[in-house]
Amino acid sequence: MNKKKESGYKPRLKQFFSDELRQLLVKQLGYANMYQIPEIKKIVINVGLGDAVNDPKILEIVRDDLARITGQIPVPTRAKRPISNFKIRKGMIIGLKVTLRGARMYEFFDRFVNFAAPRIRDFRGFSRDSFDGRGSYNVGLSEQTIFPEIEYDKIKKVFGMDIAIVTSAKKDGDALALLEGMGMPFERKK
């Protein structure tokens, strides 16, 4: 069994959310009940691999790096229909994705916000316009080298990824307050 579960381990951000942030958000958002407060449900990391059509070895390289970043083995995504211009057949592996929940999700979010985001070149904060209207936030990264788990000298392939942070918020403003409270660096208002 997992040692973290046996010892009653609770990630730092989850502890902060349940002990402090939840009470602050009740006052800030004006909810009557503490259980109405939005929370992060899952984080989905998706990597599209169009290059894998010509070189299948790329899948192994990206799979290893993505597993190192997230702590979880990625699942392949397959083409739903053929696209002859790109030499893609139905069922061909065209990407990898990881869905994080629970403790791994909080650990990844903590590392992403506190270690990876400040390493982005010319970083001035994440855009406030990347909410989808239903409380989820999406961000795209151009390279995996910002994560501390990746050794820069051993990189065989540079790849980008899309990160979707899914919350239980009904409105984008509530999701923004939640993510800001958890330490996500957004760009300053203009």
Protein backbone atom coordinates (compact mmCIF):
# COMPACT_ATOMS: atom_id res chain seq x y z
CA MET A 1 0.00 0.00 0.00
CA ASN A 2 1.07 3.59 -0.56
CA LYS A 3 3.03 4.99 2.40
CA LYS A 4 1.52 8.45 1.94
CA LYS A 5 -2.01 7.05 2.43
CA GLU A 6 -1.00 4.95 5.43
CA SER A 7 0.48 7.86 7.36
CA GLY A 8 -2.49 10.18 6.83
CA TYR A 9 -0.45 12.36 4.49
CA LYS A 10 -2.28 15.42 3.18
CA PRO A 11 -0.68 17.62 0.49
CA ARG A 12 0.28 21.12 1.59
CA LEU A 13 -2.20 22.88 -0.72
CA LYS A 14 -5.08 20.58 0.21
CA GLN A 15 -4.40 21.30 3.88
CA PHE A 16 -4.28 25.04 3.17
CA PHE A 17 -7.54 24.83 1.20
CA SER A 18 -9.46 22.98 3.89
CA ASP A 19 -8.01 24.89 6.87
CA GLU A 20 -7.83 28.50 5.65
CA LEU A 21 -8.88 29.21 2.08
CA ARG A 22 -12.37 27.70 2.34
CA GLN A 23 -13.34 30.11 5.15
CA LEU A 24 -11.89 33.09 3.26
CA LEU A 25 -13.82 32.19 0.10
CA VAL A 26 -17.10 31.87 2.02
CA LYS A 27 -16.74 35.51 3.07
CA GLN A 28 -15.32 36.74 -0.26
CA LEU A 29 -17.86 35.05 -2.53
CA GLY A 30 -20.82 35.48 -0.20
CA TYR A 31 -21.92 31.85 0.01
CA ALA A 32 -24.12 30.80 2.91
CA ASN A 33 -22.64 27.33 3.13
CA MET A 34 -19.02 26.24 3.26
CA TYR A 35 -19.75 23.29 0.95
CA GLN A 36 -20.82 25.60 -1.89
CA ILE A 37 -17.23 26.80 -2.24
CA PRO A 38 -15.66 25.66 -5.51
CA GLU A 39 -12.72 23.29 -5.44
CA ILE A 40 -10.37 21.78 -7.99
CA LYS A 41 -11.85 18.52 -9.28
CA LYS A 42 -9.10 17.36 -11.65
CA ILE A 43 -6.17 18.49 -13.78
CA VAL A 44 -5.80 17.09 -17.30
CA ILE A 45 -2.43 17.34 -19.09
CA ASN A 46 -2.60 16.67 -22.84
CA VAL A 47 0.28 16.39 -25.32
CA GLY A 48 -0.43 16.24 -29.05
CA LEU A 49 2.11 14.24 -31.03
CA GLY A 50 1.70 14.71 -34.75
CA ASP A 51 5.40 13.82 -35.16
CA ALA A 52 4.70 10.29 -33.87
CA VAL A 53 3.24 9.37 -37.27
CA ASN A 54 6.73 9.46 -38.82
CA ASP A 55 8.78 8.45 -35.77
CA PRO A 56 7.07 6.12 -33.22
CA LYS A 57 10.08 6.38 -30.85
CA ILE A 58 8.90 9.86 -29.93
CA LEU A 59 5.98 8.29 -28.03
CA GLU A 60 8.35 6.54 -25.60
CA ILE A 61 10.41 9.69 -25.03
CA VAL A 62 7.36 11.85 -24.35
CA ARG A 63 5.70 9.14 -22.25
CA ASP A 64 8.76 8.96 -19.97
CA ASP A 65 9.02 12.74 -19.58
CA LEU A 66 5.28 13.16 -18.95
CA ALA A 67 5.32 10.35 -16.37
CA ARG A 68 8.26 12.02 -14.63
CA ILE A 69 6.45 15.39 -14.55
CA THR A 70 3.08 14.11 -13.32
CA GLY A 71 4.00 11.01 -11.32
CA GLN A 72 1.48 8.98 -13.31
CA ILE A 73 1.75 6.94 -16.52
CA PRO A 74 0.08 8.71 -19.48
CA VAL A 75 -2.71 7.18 -21.54
CA PRO A 76 -2.49 7.31 -25.35
CA THR A 77 -5.11 9.28 -27.28
CA ARG A 78 -6.13 7.88 -30.63
CA ALA A 79 -7.39 9.44 -33.86
CA LYS A 80 -11.18 9.23 -34.17
CA ARG A 81 -11.15 9.50 -37.95
CA PRO A 82 -8.58 9.36 -40.74
CA ILE A 83 -6.93 12.55 -42.02
CA SER A 84 -5.14 11.78 -45.27
CA ASN A 85 -3.29 15.11 -45.50
CA PHE A 86 -1.44 14.30 -42.28
CA LYS A 87 -1.09 10.54 -42.97
CA ILE A 88 -3.24 9.75 -39.94
CA ARG A 89 -5.38 6.61 -39.89
CA LYS A 90 -8.30 5.92 -37.60
CA GLY A 91 -7.09 4.48 -34.27
CA MET A 92 -3.52 5.74 -34.64
CA ILE A 93 -1.91 7.14 -31.48
CA ILE A 94 -1.69 10.92 -31.89
CA GLY A 95 -1.13 12.07 -28.33
CA LEU A 96 -0.83 11.30 -24.63
CA LYS A 97 -2.84 12.52 -21.68
CA VAL A 98 -2.82 12.29 -17.90
CA THR A 99 -5.77 12.97 -15.60
CA LEU A 100 -4.74 13.84 -12.05
CA ARG A 101 -7.07 13.71 -9.06
CA GLY A 102 -6.65 13.73 -5.29
CA ALA A 103 -3.22 14.08 -3.70
CA ARG A 104 -1.30 13.85 -7.00
CA MET A 105 -3.39 16.68 -8.39
CA TYR A 106 -2.58 18.98 -5.46
CA GLU A 107 1.11 18.04 -5.58
CA PHE A 108 1.28 18.74 -9.34
CA PHE A 109 -0.57 22.07 -8.95
CA ASP A 110 1.82 23.10 -6.17
CA ARG A 111 4.91 22.28 -8.27
CA PHE A 112 3.41 23.90 -11.38
CA VAL A 113 2.54 27.18 -9.65
CA ASN A 114 5.58 27.52 -7.38
CA PHE A 115 8.42 25.99 -9.39
CA ALA A 116 7.51 25.62 -13.07
CA ALA A 117 5.58 28.83 -13.79
CA PRO A 118 8.36 31.18 -12.60
CA ARG A 119 10.75 29.40 -15.00
CA ILE A 120 8.67 30.36 -18.07
CA ARG A 121 10.56 32.84 -20.24
CA ASP A 122 9.21 36.44 -19.97
CA PHE A 123 6.52 35.30 -17.53
CA ARG A 124 4.24 38.06 -16.27
CA GLY A 125 1.39 35.90 -15.04
CA PHE A 126 -1.26 33.71 -16.62
CA SER A 127 -4.03 35.29 -18.65
CA ARG A 128 -7.35 35.92 -16.92
CA ASP A 129 -9.15 35.29 -20.23
CA SER A 130 -8.47 31.54 -20.41
CA PHE A 131 -11.56 30.44 -18.49
CA ASP A 132 -14.12 28.48 -20.50
CA GLY A 133 -17.33 29.99 -19.08
CA ARG A 134 -18.01 26.98 -16.82
CA GLY A 135 -15.26 27.48 -14.24
CA SER A 136 -12.42 25.56 -15.88
CA TYR A 137 -9.06 27.14 -16.70
CA ASN A 138 -6.84 26.18 -19.65
CA VAL A 139 -3.19 27.04 -20.23
CA GLY A 140 -0.80 25.96 -22.96
CA LEU A 141 2.93 25.50 -22.47
CA SER A 142 5.44 25.48 -25.30
CA GLU A 143 8.04 23.24 -23.67
CA GLN A 144 8.42 20.76 -20.82
CA THR A 145 11.81 22.12 -19.72
CA ILE A 146 10.20 24.44 -17.15
CA PHE A 147 9.45 21.50 -14.85
CA PRO A 148 12.19 20.76 -12.30
CA GLU A 149 11.85 16.98 -12.86
CA ILE A 150 13.24 17.28 -16.39
CA GLU A 151 17.02 17.29 -16.68
CA TYR A 152 17.91 19.77 -19.40
CA ASP A 153 20.98 17.81 -20.55
CA LYS A 154 19.00 14.61 -21.15
CA ILE A 155 16.20 16.07 -23.29
CA LYS A 156 15.71 14.15 -26.52
CA LYS A 157 12.53 15.90 -27.72
CA VAL A 158 11.05 19.27 -26.74
CA PHE A 159 7.25 19.19 -26.65
CA GLY A 160 4.43 21.44 -25.51
CA MET A 161 1.35 20.58 -23.51
CA ASP A 162 -2.11 21.80 -22.64
CA ILE A 163 -3.11 21.89 -18.99
CA ALA A 164 -6.81 22.04 -18.08
CA ILE A 165 -7.68 22.80 -14.46
CA VAL A 166 -11.28 21.71 -13.89
CA THR A 167 -13.08 23.23 -10.91
CA SER A 168 -16.55 22.79 -9.48
CA ALA A 169 -17.24 26.54 -9.86
CA LYS A 170 -20.38 27.59 -11.71
CA LYS A 171 -18.92 31.00 -12.66
CA ASP A 172 -15.51 32.04 -13.93
CA GLY A 173 -15.20 34.69 -11.21
CA ASP A 174 -15.52 32.05 -8.49
CA ALA A 175 -12.92 29.85 -10.20
CA LEU A 176 -10.58 32.85 -10.51
CA ALA A 177 -10.93 33.56 -6.77
CA LEU A 178 -10.21 29.90 -5.98
CA LEU A 179 -7.11 29.69 -8.18
CA GLU A 180 -5.78 33.06 -6.98
CA GLY A 181 -6.30 31.94 -3.39
CA MET A 182 -4.32 28.78 -4.09
CA GLY A 183 -1.41 30.87 -5.37
CA MET A 184 -1.79 30.80 -9.15
CA PRO A 185 -0.02 33.88 -10.54
CA PHE A 186 -2.37 35.78 -12.85
CA GLU A 187 -1.36 38.86 -14.81
CA ARG A 188 -2.27 42.17 -13.23
CA LYS A 189 -5.49 43.86 -14.17
CA LYS A 190 -5.10 46.54 -16.82
